[in-house]
Amino acid sequence: MRTFHHLGIITHEKKEGAMYNETLSVWLTDPGESLNKIEWLKFEEGSILSELIQKETHVAYTVPSIDEELKGKNVLFPPMVCNECLTIAFIEEEGIPVEIMEVK
């Protein structure tokens, strides 16, 4: 079962409090700090994420098993371990990127 986590919105300016993710070449804010669960993303040139992820708003969900959730889906970005508690992946559904998050 999916549980809504946040909405990722593309911006062309670095937002206050944004942190840089060197692996993905993106500045991003913490959606937990937003009243509306918004994660602002400012991509730098050379990001390894697909063009669809870099140009379109995404919705993010937590799931019990990322592997189960990805079965039969159009995977835009395969599972990446962010830290000991978080693994993420992106799929395409209804023409938009959807972030799948497994939180331990």
PDB file of N, CA and C in Angstrom:
ATOM      1  N   MET A   1       0.840  -1.184   0.000  1.00  0.00           N
ATOM      2  CA  MET A   1       0.000   0.000   0.000  1.00  0.00           C
ATOM      3  C   MET A   1       0.883   1.245   0.000  1.00  0.00           C
ATOM      4  N   ARG A   2       0.573   2.176  -0.858  1.00  0.00           N
ATOM      5  CA  ARG A   2       1.298   3.440  -0.933  1.00  0.00           C
ATOM      6  C   ARG A   2       0.748   4.435   0.081  1.00  0.00           C
ATOM      7  N   THR A   3       1.662   5.211   0.656  1.00  0.00           N
ATOM      8  CA  THR A   3       1.282   6.298   1.548  1.00  0.00           C
ATOM      9  C   THR A   3       1.912   7.578   1.022  1.00  0.00           C
ATOM     10  N   PHE A   4       1.100   8.610   0.808  1.00  0.00           N
ATOM     11  CA  PHE A   4       1.618   9.876   0.297  1.00  0.00           C
ATOM     12  C   PHE A   4       2.718  10.399   1.211  1.00  0.00           C
ATOM     13  N   HIS A   5       3.813  10.873   0.610  1.00  0.00           N
ATOM     14  CA  HIS A   5       4.922  11.447   1.377  1.00  0.00           C
ATOM     15  C   HIS A   5       5.160  12.919   1.039  1.00  0.00           C
ATOM     16  N   HIS A   6       5.281  13.254  -0.259  1.00  0.00           N
ATOM     17  CA  HIS A   6       5.509  14.646  -0.638  1.00  0.00           C
ATOM     18  C   HIS A   6       5.254  14.874  -2.118  1.00  0.00           C
ATOM     19  N   LEU A   7       5.288  16.136  -2.480  1.00  0.00           N
ATOM     20  CA  LEU A   7       5.178  16.569  -3.862  1.00  0.00           C
ATOM     21  C   LEU A   7       6.495  17.251  -4.209  1.00  0.00           C
ATOM     22  N   GLY A   8       7.138  16.841  -5.298  1.00  0.00           N
ATOM     23  CA  GLY A   8       8.408  17.424  -5.720  1.00  0.00           C
ATOM     24  C   GLY A   8       8.170  18.392  -6.869  1.00  0.00           C
ATOM     25  N   ILE A   9       8.517  19.664  -6.654  1.00  0.00           N
ATOM     26  CA  ILE A   9       8.278  20.700  -7.644  1.00  0.00           C
ATOM     27  C   ILE A   9       9.611  21.282  -8.107  1.00  0.00           C
ATOM     28  N   ILE A  10       9.757  21.398  -9.425  1.00  0.00           N
ATOM     29  CA  ILE A  10      10.967  21.919 -10.030  1.00  0.00           C
ATOM     30  C   ILE A  10      11.006  23.439  -9.884  1.00  0.00           C
ATOM     31  N   THR A  11      12.178  23.968  -9.565  1.00  0.00           N
ATOM     32  CA  THR A  11      12.392  25.406  -9.489  1.00  0.00           C
ATOM     33  C   THR A  11      13.692  25.739 -10.219  1.00  0.00           C
ATOM     34  N   HIS A  12      13.846  26.983 -10.608  1.00  0.00           N
ATOM     35  CA  HIS A  12      15.067  27.416 -11.284  1.00  0.00           C
ATOM     36  C   HIS A  12      15.956  28.245 -10.370  1.00  0.00           C
ATOM     37  N   GLU A  13      15.553  28.345  -9.112  1.00  0.00           N
ATOM     38  CA  GLU A  13      16.364  29.050  -8.127  1.00  0.00           C
ATOM     39  C   GLU A  13      16.538  28.177  -6.893  1.00  0.00           C
ATOM     40  N   LYS A  14      17.683  28.276  -6.279  1.00  0.00           N
ATOM     41  CA  LYS A  14      17.939  27.494  -5.063  1.00  0.00           C
ATOM     42  C   LYS A  14      17.116  28.090  -3.922  1.00  0.00           C
ATOM     43  N   LYS A  15      16.286  27.263  -3.318  1.00  0.00           N
ATOM     44  CA  LYS A  15      15.425  27.716  -2.229  1.00  0.00           C
ATOM     45  C   LYS A  15      16.205  27.749  -0.913  1.00  0.00           C
ATOM     46  N   GLU A  16      15.771  28.616  -0.022  1.00  0.00           N
ATOM     47  CA  GLU A  16      16.392  28.720   1.298  1.00  0.00           C
ATOM     48  C   GLU A  16      16.331  27.364   1.993  1.00  0.00           C
ATOM     49  N   GLY A  17      17.432  26.956   2.577  1.00  0.00           N
ATOM     50  CA  GLY A  17      17.493  25.691   3.300  1.00  0.00           C
ATOM     51  C   GLY A  17      17.754  24.483   2.418  1.00  0.00           C
ATOM     52  N   ALA A  18      17.912  24.700   1.109  1.00  0.00           N
ATOM     53  CA  ALA A  18      18.149  23.573   0.200  1.00  0.00           C
ATOM     54  C   ALA A  18      19.516  22.947   0.465  1.00  0.00           C
ATOM     55  N   MET A  19      19.561  21.623   0.321  1.00  0.00           N
ATOM     56  CA  MET A  19      20.796  20.861   0.484  1.00  0.00           C
ATOM     57  C   MET A  19      21.185  20.303  -0.880  1.00  0.00           C
ATOM     58  N   TYR A  20      22.487  20.178  -1.107  1.00  0.00           N
ATOM     59  CA  TYR A  20      22.952  19.679  -2.398  1.00  0.00           C
ATOM     60  C   TYR A  20      23.224  18.189  -2.332  1.00  0.00           C
ATOM     61  N   ASN A  21      22.632  17.444  -3.261  1.00  0.00           N
ATOM     62  CA  ASN A  21      22.902  16.021  -3.403  1.00  0.00           C
ATOM     63  C   ASN A  21      23.852  15.864  -4.578  1.00  0.00           C
ATOM     64  N   GLU A  22      25.117  15.601  -4.274  1.00  0.00           N
ATOM     65  CA  GLU A  22      26.148  15.530  -5.302  1.00  0.00           C
ATOM     66  C   GLU A  22      25.926  14.374  -6.263  1.00  0.00           C
ATOM     67  N   THR A  23      25.464  13.239  -5.763  1.00  0.00           N
ATOM     68  CA  THR A  23      25.235  12.068  -6.610  1.00  0.00           C
ATOM     69  C   THR A  23      24.217  12.365  -7.702  1.00  0.00           C
ATOM     70  N   LEU A  24      23.159  13.077  -7.352  1.00  0.00           N
ATOM     71  CA  LEU A  24      22.081  13.369  -8.295  1.00  0.00           C
ATOM     72  C   LEU A  24      22.193  14.756  -8.931  1.00  0.00           C
ATOM     73  N   SER A  25      23.170  15.557  -8.497  1.00  0.00           N
ATOM     74  CA  SER A  25      23.356  16.933  -8.995  1.00  0.00           C
ATOM     75  C   SER A  25      22.074  17.748  -8.885  1.00  0.00           C
ATOM     76  N   VAL A  26      21.551  17.815  -7.675  1.00  0.00           N
ATOM     77  CA  VAL A  26      20.309  18.544  -7.448  1.00  0.00           C
ATOM     78  C   VAL A  26      20.332  19.199  -6.067  1.00  0.00           C
ATOM     79  N   TRP A  27      19.818  20.423  -6.009  1.00  0.00           N
ATOM     80  CA  TRP A  27      19.536  21.096  -4.747  1.00  0.00           C
ATOM     81  C   TRP A  27      18.114  20.722  -4.364  1.00  0.00           C
ATOM     82  N   LEU A  28      17.889  20.342  -3.113  1.00  0.00           N
ATOM     83  CA  LEU A  28      16.537  19.976  -2.702  1.00  0.00           C
ATOM     84  C   LEU A  28      16.255  20.391  -1.274  1.00  0.00           C
ATOM     85  N   THR A  29      14.993  20.674  -1.028  1.00  0.00           N
ATOM     86  CA  THR A  29      14.576  21.056   0.313  1.00  0.00           C
ATOM     87  C   THR A  29      13.939  19.850   1.002  1.00  0.00           C
ATOM     88  N   ASP A  30      13.779  19.957   2.303  1.00  0.00           N
ATOM     89  CA  ASP A  30      13.177  18.896   3.110  1.00  0.00           C
ATOM     90  C   ASP A  30      11.657  19.074   3.120  1.00  0.00           C
ATOM     91  N   PRO A  31      10.916  18.135   2.514  1.00  0.00           N
ATOM     92  CA  PRO A  31       9.454  18.296   2.493  1.00  0.00           C
ATOM     93  C   PRO A  31       8.832  18.249   3.880  1.00  0.00           C
ATOM     94  N   GLY A  32       9.545  17.701   4.844  1.00  0.00           N
ATOM     95  CA  GLY A  32       9.048  17.678   6.220  1.00  0.00           C
ATOM     96  C   GLY A  32       9.004  19.065   6.853  1.00  0.00           C
ATOM     97  N   GLU A  33       9.719  20.009   6.245  1.00  0.00           N
ATOM     98  CA  GLU A  33       9.732  21.391   6.734  1.00  0.00           C
ATOM     99  C   GLU A  33       8.649  22.239   6.070  1.00  0.00           C
ATOM    100  N   SER A  34       7.923  21.672   5.122  1.00  0.00           N
ATOM    101  CA  SER A  34       6.902  22.399   4.375  1.00  0.00           C
ATOM    102  C   SER A  34       5.512  22.044   4.886  1.00  0.00           C
ATOM    103  N   LEU A  35       4.685  23.056   5.095  1.00  0.00           N
ATOM    104  CA  LEU A  35       3.305  22.811   5.536  1.00  0.00           C
ATOM    105  C   LEU A  35       2.549  21.941   4.542  1.00  0.00           C
ATOM    106  N   ASN A  36       2.897  22.070   3.257  1.00  0.00           N
ATOM    107  CA  ASN A  36       2.192  21.346   2.200  1.00  0.00           C
ATOM    108  C   ASN A  36       2.975  20.151   1.673  1.00  0.00           C
ATOM    109  N   LYS A  37       4.034  19.749   2.393  1.00  0.00           N
ATOM    110  CA  LYS A  37       4.851  18.585   2.009  1.00  0.00           C
ATOM    111  C   LYS A  37       5.457  18.760   0.616  1.00  0.00           C
ATOM    112  N   ILE A  38       5.995  19.970   0.349  1.00  0.00           N
ATOM    113  CA  ILE A  38       6.627  20.258  -0.935  1.00  0.00           C
ATOM    114  C   ILE A  38       8.137  20.103  -0.807  1.00  0.00           C
ATOM    115  N   GLU A  39       8.710  19.388  -1.760  1.00  0.00           N
ATOM    116  CA  GLU A  39      10.156  19.295  -1.910  1.00  0.00           C
ATOM    117  C   GLU A  39      10.497  20.117  -3.157  1.00  0.00           C
ATOM    118  N   TRP A  40      11.269  21.184  -2.979  1.00  0.00           N
ATOM    119  CA  TRP A  40      11.705  22.004  -4.105  1.00  0.00           C
ATOM    120  C   TRP A  40      12.998  21.420  -4.650  1.00  0.00           C
ATOM    121  N   LEU A  41      13.091  21.290  -5.991  1.00  0.00           N
ATOM    122  CA  LEU A  41      14.273  20.705  -6.633  1.00  0.00           C
ATOM    123  C   LEU A  41      14.832  21.654  -7.689  1.00  0.00           C
ATOM    124  N   LYS A  42      16.117  21.947  -7.592  1.00  0.00           N
ATOM    125  CA  LYS A  42      16.816  22.734  -8.609  1.00  0.00           C
ATOM    126  C   LYS A  42      17.944  21.854  -9.146  1.00  0.00           C
ATOM    127  N   PHE A  43      17.780  21.401 -10.370  1.00  0.00           N
ATOM    128  CA  PHE A  43      18.760  20.496 -10.974  1.00  0.00           C
ATOM    129  C   PHE A  43      19.928  21.261 -11.568  1.00  0.00           C
ATOM    130  N   GLU A  44      21.111  20.687 -11.419  1.00  0.00           N
ATOM    131  CA  GLU A  44      22.319  21.214 -12.047  1.00  0.00           C
ATOM    132  C   GLU A  44      22.599  20.412 -13.310  1.00  0.00           C
ATOM    133  N   GLU A  45      23.358  20.993 -14.207  1.00  0.00           N
ATOM    134  CA  GLU A  45      23.734  20.296 -15.433  1.00  0.00           C
ATOM    135  C   GLU A  45      24.476  19.007 -15.079  1.00  0.00           C
ATOM    136  N   GLY A  46      24.167  17.958 -15.818  1.00  0.00           N
ATOM    137  CA  GLY A  46      24.845  16.684 -15.600  1.00  0.00           C
ATOM    138  C   GLY A  46      24.138  15.745 -14.638  1.00  0.00           C
ATOM    139  N   SER A  47      22.930  16.091 -14.202  1.00  0.00           N
ATOM    140  CA  SER A  47      22.199  15.190 -13.310  1.00  0.00           C
ATOM    141  C   SER A  47      21.952  13.861 -14.009  1.00  0.00           C
ATOM    142  N   ILE A  48      22.059  12.780 -13.237  1.00  0.00           N
ATOM    143  CA  ILE A  48      21.848  11.439 -13.791  1.00  0.00           C
ATOM    144  C   ILE A  48      20.364  11.071 -13.865  1.00  0.00           C
ATOM    145  N   LEU A  49      19.502  11.911 -13.318  1.00  0.00           N
ATOM    146  CA  LEU A  49      18.067  11.622 -13.365  1.00  0.00           C
ATOM    147  C   LEU A  49      17.515  11.941 -14.754  1.00  0.00           C
ATOM    148  N   SER A  50      16.490  11.212 -15.153  1.00  0.00           N
ATOM    149  CA  SER A  50      15.926  11.363 -16.499  1.00  0.00           C
ATOM    150  C   SER A  50      15.337  12.757 -16.705  1.00  0.00           C
ATOM    151  N   GLU A  51      15.196  13.127 -17.970  1.00  0.00           N
ATOM    152  CA  GLU A  51      14.651  14.433 -18.328  1.00  0.00           C
ATOM    153  C   GLU A  51      13.247  14.622 -17.750  1.00  0.00           C
ATOM    154  N   LEU A  52      12.435  13.571 -17.766  1.00  0.00           N
ATOM    155  CA  LEU A  52      11.078  13.673 -17.227  1.00  0.00           C
ATOM    156  C   LEU A  52      11.119  14.052 -15.746  1.00  0.00           C
ATOM    157  N   ILE A  53      12.016  13.437 -14.985  1.00  0.00           N
ATOM    158  CA  ILE A  53      12.136  13.749 -13.552  1.00  0.00           C
ATOM    159  C   ILE A  53      12.611  15.183 -13.362  1.00  0.00           C
ATOM    160  N   GLN A  54      13.515  15.650 -14.233  1.00  0.00           N
ATOM    161  CA  GLN A  54      14.082  16.993 -14.100  1.00  0.00           C
ATOM    162  C   GLN A  54      13.131  18.096 -14.549  1.00  0.00           C
ATOM    163  N   LYS A  55      12.097  17.745 -15.305  1.00  0.00           N
ATOM    164  CA  LYS A  55      11.228  18.779 -15.874  1.00  0.00           C
ATOM    165  C   LYS A  55       9.792  18.769 -15.340  1.00  0.00           C
ATOM    166  N   GLU A  56       9.371  17.674 -14.745  1.00  0.00           N
ATOM    167  CA  GLU A  56       7.974  17.552 -14.313  1.00  0.00           C
ATOM    168  C   GLU A  56       7.860  17.378 -12.797  1.00  0.00           C
ATOM    169  N   THR A  57       6.789  17.901 -12.255  1.00  0.00           N
ATOM    170  CA  THR A  57       6.470  17.679 -10.852  1.00  0.00           C
ATOM    171  C   THR A  57       6.309  16.187 -10.609  1.00  0.00           C
ATOM    172  N   HIS A  58       6.772  15.722  -9.436  1.00  0.00           N
ATOM    173  CA  HIS A  58       6.563  14.312  -9.100  1.00  0.00           C
ATOM    174  C   HIS A  58       5.805  14.193  -7.781  1.00  0.00           C
ATOM    175  N   VAL A  59       5.151  13.080  -7.631  1.00  0.00           N
ATOM    176  CA  VAL A  59       4.492  12.735  -6.374  1.00  0.00           C
ATOM    177  C   VAL A  59       5.300  11.585  -5.776  1.00  0.00           C
ATOM    178  N   ALA A  60       5.464  11.597  -4.456  1.00  0.00           N
ATOM    179  CA  ALA A  60       6.272  10.574  -3.785  1.00  0.00           C
ATOM    180  C   ALA A  60       5.438   9.824  -2.750  1.00  0.00           C
ATOM    181  N   TYR A  61       5.671   8.516  -2.721  1.00  0.00           N
ATOM    182  CA  TYR A  61       4.966   7.638  -1.784  1.00  0.00           C
ATOM    183  C   TYR A  61       5.967   6.750  -1.056  1.00  0.00           C
ATOM    184  N   THR A  62       5.662   6.436   0.192  1.00  0.00           N
ATOM    185  CA  THR A  62       6.401   5.393   0.888  1.00  0.00           C
ATOM    186  C   THR A  62       5.668   4.080   0.648  1.00  0.00           C
ATOM    187  N   VAL A  63       6.452   3.007   0.576  1.00  0.00           N
ATOM    188  CA  VAL A  63       5.897   1.672   0.343  1.00  0.00           C
ATOM    189  C   VAL A  63       6.625   0.675   1.242  1.00  0.00           C
ATOM    190  N   PRO A  64       5.984  -0.448   1.552  1.00  0.00           N
ATOM    191  CA  PRO A  64       6.641  -1.457   2.386  1.00  0.00           C
ATOM    192  C   PRO A  64       7.812  -2.149   1.675  1.00  0.00           C
ATOM    193  N   SER A  65       7.691  -2.345   0.341  1.00  0.00           N
ATOM    194  CA  SER A  65       8.737  -3.041  -0.409  1.00  0.00           C
ATOM    195  C   SER A  65       8.922  -2.375  -1.766  1.00  0.00           C
ATOM    196  N   ILE A  66      10.066  -1.750  -1.955  1.00  0.00           N
ATOM    197  CA  ILE A  66      10.343  -1.072  -3.222  1.00  0.00           C
ATOM    198  C   ILE A  66      10.417  -2.083  -4.364  1.00  0.00           C
ATOM    199  N   ASP A  67      10.993  -3.257  -4.103  1.00  0.00           N
ATOM    200  CA  ASP A  67      11.103  -4.280  -5.145  1.00  0.00           C
ATOM    201  C   ASP A  67       9.732  -4.732  -5.633  1.00  0.00           C
ATOM    202  N   GLU A  68       8.811  -4.952  -4.721  1.00  0.00           N
ATOM    203  CA  GLU A  68       7.460  -5.361  -5.092  1.00  0.00           C
ATOM    204  C   GLU A  68       6.750  -4.253  -5.875  1.00  0.00           C
ATOM    205  N   GLU A  69       6.939  -3.011  -5.454  1.00  0.00           N
ATOM    206  CA  GLU A  69       6.269  -1.881  -6.101  1.00  0.00           C
ATOM    207  C   GLU A  69       6.751  -1.663  -7.528  1.00  0.00           C
ATOM    208  N   LEU A  70       8.000  -2.005  -7.827  1.00  0.00           N
ATOM    209  CA  LEU A  70       8.567  -1.758  -9.157  1.00  0.00           C
ATOM    210  C   LEU A  70       8.231  -2.846 -10.179  1.00  0.00           C
ATOM    211  N   LYS A  71       7.727  -3.984  -9.730  1.00  0.00           N
ATOM    212  CA  LYS A  71       7.428  -5.084 -10.649  1.00  0.00           C
ATOM    213  C   LYS A  71       6.432  -4.644 -11.725  1.00  0.00           C
ATOM    214  N   GLY A  72       6.844  -4.825 -12.985  1.00  0.00           N
ATOM    215  CA  GLY A  72       5.967  -4.517 -14.114  1.00  0.00           C
ATOM    216  C   GLY A  72       5.791  -3.040 -14.407  1.00  0.00           C
ATOM    217  N   LYS A  73       6.562  -2.182 -13.759  1.00  0.00           N
ATOM    218  CA  LYS A  73       6.418  -0.736 -13.934  1.00  0.00           C
ATOM    219  C   LYS A  73       7.472  -0.205 -14.906  1.00  0.00           C
ATOM    220  N   ASN A  74       7.213   0.967 -15.471  1.00  0.00           N
ATOM    221  CA  ASN A  74       8.172   1.669 -16.316  1.00  0.00           C
ATOM    222  C   ASN A  74       9.134   2.413 -15.389  1.00  0.00           C
ATOM    223  N   VAL A  75      10.303   1.826 -15.136  1.00  0.00           N
ATOM    224  CA  VAL A  75      11.264   2.387 -14.188  1.00  0.00           C
ATOM    225  C   VAL A  75      12.093   3.471 -14.879  1.00  0.00           C
ATOM    226  N   LEU A  76      12.027   4.689 -14.326  1.00  0.00           N
ATOM    227  CA  LEU A  76      12.812   5.813 -14.828  1.00  0.00           C
ATOM    228  C   LEU A  76      14.186   5.872 -14.171  1.00  0.00           C
ATOM    229  N   PHE A  77      14.249   5.469 -12.910  1.00  0.00           N
ATOM    230  CA  PHE A  77      15.497   5.491 -12.144  1.00  0.00           C
ATOM    231  C   PHE A  77      15.449   4.316 -11.177  1.00  0.00           C
ATOM    232  N   PRO A  78      16.392   3.382 -11.284  1.00  0.00           N
ATOM    233  CA  PRO A  78      16.353   2.182 -10.456  1.00  0.00           C
ATOM    234  C   PRO A  78      16.630   2.487  -8.987  1.00  0.00           C
ATOM    235  N   PRO A  79      16.356   1.525  -8.119  1.00  0.00           N
ATOM    236  CA  PRO A  79      16.560   1.752  -6.690  1.00  0.00           C
ATOM    237  C   PRO A  79      17.975   2.240  -6.364  1.00  0.00           C
ATOM    238  N   MET A  80      18.011   3.269  -5.528  1.00  0.00           N
ATOM    239  CA  MET A  80      19.268   3.829  -5.038  1.00  0.00           C
ATOM    240  C   MET A  80      19.169   3.943  -3.524  1.00  0.00           C
ATOM    241  N   VAL A  81      20.147   3.376  -2.830  1.00  0.00           N
ATOM    242  CA  VAL A  81      20.192   3.475  -1.375  1.00  0.00           C
ATOM    243  C   VAL A  81      20.736   4.856  -1.024  1.00  0.00           C
ATOM    244  N   CYS A  82      19.922   5.656  -0.351  1.00  0.00           N
ATOM    245  CA  CYS A  82      20.331   7.007   0.054  1.00  0.00           C
ATOM    246  C   CYS A  82      21.077   6.983   1.380  1.00  0.00           C
ATOM    247  N   ASN A  83      20.596   6.166   2.288  1.00  0.00           N
ATOM    248  CA  ASN A  83      21.251   5.945   3.585  1.00  0.00           C
ATOM    249  C   ASN A  83      20.697   4.654   4.165  1.00  0.00           C
ATOM    250  N   GLU A  84      21.100   4.311   5.364  1.00  0.00           N
ATOM    251  CA  GLU A  84      20.679   3.034   5.948  1.00  0.00           C
ATOM    252  C   GLU A  84      19.175   2.928   6.174  1.00  0.00           C
ATOM    253  N   CYS A  85      18.472   4.048   6.087  1.00  0.00           N
ATOM    254  CA  CYS A  85      17.025   4.053   6.325  1.00  0.00           C
ATOM    255  C   CYS A  85      16.175   4.307   5.087  1.00  0.00           C
ATOM    256  N   LEU A  86      16.801   4.713   3.967  1.00  0.00           N
ATOM    257  CA  LEU A  86      16.009   5.146   2.820  1.00  0.00           C
ATOM    258  C   LEU A  86      16.563   4.630   1.496  1.00  0.00           C
ATOM    259  N   THR A  87      15.673   4.024   0.704  1.00  0.00           N
ATOM    260  CA  THR A  87      15.957   3.639  -0.675  1.00  0.00           C
ATOM    261  C   THR A  87      14.879   4.274  -1.538  1.00  0.00           C
ATOM    262  N   ILE A  88      15.292   4.860  -2.677  1.00  0.00           N
ATOM    263  CA  ILE A  88      14.331   5.506  -3.572  1.00  0.00           C
ATOM    264  C   ILE A  88      14.447   4.949  -4.982  1.00  0.00           C
ATOM    265  N   ALA A  89      13.387   5.121  -5.755  1.00  0.00           N
ATOM    266  CA  ALA A  89      13.373   4.814  -7.182  1.00  0.00           C
ATOM    267  C   ALA A  89      12.294   5.698  -7.794  1.00  0.00           C
ATOM    268  N   PHE A  90      12.342   5.854  -9.118  1.00  0.00           N
ATOM    269  CA  PHE A  90      11.314   6.614  -9.819  1.00  0.00           C
ATOM    270  C   PHE A  90      10.708   5.749 -10.912  1.00  0.00           C
ATOM    271  N   ILE A  91       9.398   5.839 -11.046  1.00  0.00           N
ATOM    272  CA  ILE A  91       8.681   5.180 -12.127  1.00  0.00           C
ATOM    273  C   ILE A  91       7.870   6.245 -12.861  1.00  0.00           C
ATOM    274  N   GLU A  92       7.339   5.876 -14.015  1.00  0.00           N
ATOM    275  CA  GLU A  92       6.444   6.767 -14.738  1.00  0.00           C
ATOM    276  C   GLU A  92       5.047   6.171 -14.680  1.00  0.00           C
ATOM    277  N   GLU A  93       4.099   6.992 -14.251  1.00  0.00           N
ATOM    278  CA  GLU A  93       2.682   6.612 -14.253  1.00  0.00           C
ATOM    279  C   GLU A  93       1.870   7.823 -14.694  1.00  0.00           C
ATOM    280  N   GLU A  94       0.926   7.609 -15.556  1.00  0.00           N
ATOM    281  CA  GLU A  94       0.042   8.668 -16.052  1.00  0.00           C
ATOM    282  C   GLU A  94       0.831   9.848 -16.631  1.00  0.00           C
ATOM    283  N   GLY A  95       2.019   9.547 -17.173  1.00  0.00           N
ATOM    284  CA  GLY A  95       2.825  10.560 -17.831  1.00  0.00           C
ATOM    285  C   GLY A  95       3.680  11.423 -16.919  1.00  0.00           C
ATOM    286  N   ILE A  96       3.676  11.125 -15.621  1.00  0.00           N
ATOM    287  CA  ILE A  96       4.499  11.904 -14.685  1.00  0.00           C
ATOM    288  C   ILE A  96       5.431  10.973 -13.915  1.00  0.00           C
ATOM    289  N   PRO A  97       6.511  11.533 -13.370  1.00  0.00           N
ATOM    290  CA  PRO A  97       7.367  10.723 -12.508  1.00  0.00           C
ATOM    291  C   PRO A  97       6.730  10.523 -11.140  1.00  0.00           C
ATOM    292  N   VAL A  98       6.890   9.316 -10.631  1.00  0.00           N
ATOM    293  CA  VAL A  98       6.411   8.964  -9.300  1.00  0.00           C
ATOM    294  C   VAL A  98       7.610   8.408  -8.535  1.00  0.00           C
ATOM    295  N   GLU A  99       7.884   9.016  -7.381  1.00  0.00           N
ATOM    296  CA  GLU A  99       8.987   8.553  -6.544  1.00  0.00           C
ATOM    297  C   GLU A  99       8.458   7.502  -5.575  1.00  0.00           C
ATOM    298  N   ILE A 100       9.149   6.385  -5.530  1.00  0.00           N
ATOM    299  CA  ILE A 100       8.812   5.305  -4.613  1.00  0.00           C
ATOM    300  C   ILE A 100       9.897   5.275  -3.537  1.00  0.00           C
ATOM    301  N   MET A 101       9.497   5.298  -2.288  1.00  0.00           N
ATOM    302  CA  MET A 101      10.441   5.362  -1.169  1.00  0.00           C
ATOM    303  C   MET A 101      10.195   4.205  -0.207  1.00  0.00           C
ATOM    304  N   GLU A 102      11.260   3.470   0.096  1.00  0.00           N
ATOM    305  CA  GLU A 102      11.186   2.452   1.145  1.00  0.00           C
ATOM    306  C   GLU A 102      11.953   2.984   2.338  1.00  0.00           C
ATOM    307  N   VAL A 103      11.247   3.201   3.442  1.00  0.00           N
ATOM    308  CA  VAL A 103      11.827   3.737   4.659  1.00  0.00           C
ATOM    309  C   VAL A 103      11.868   2.628   5.700  1.00  0.00           C
ATOM    310  N   LYS A 104      13.054   2.428   6.269  1.00  0.00           N
ATOM    311  CA  LYS A 104      13.208   1.371   7.289  1.00  0.00           C
ATOM    312  C   LYS A 104      13.232   1.953   8.671  1.00  0.00           C
TER     313      LYS A 104
END
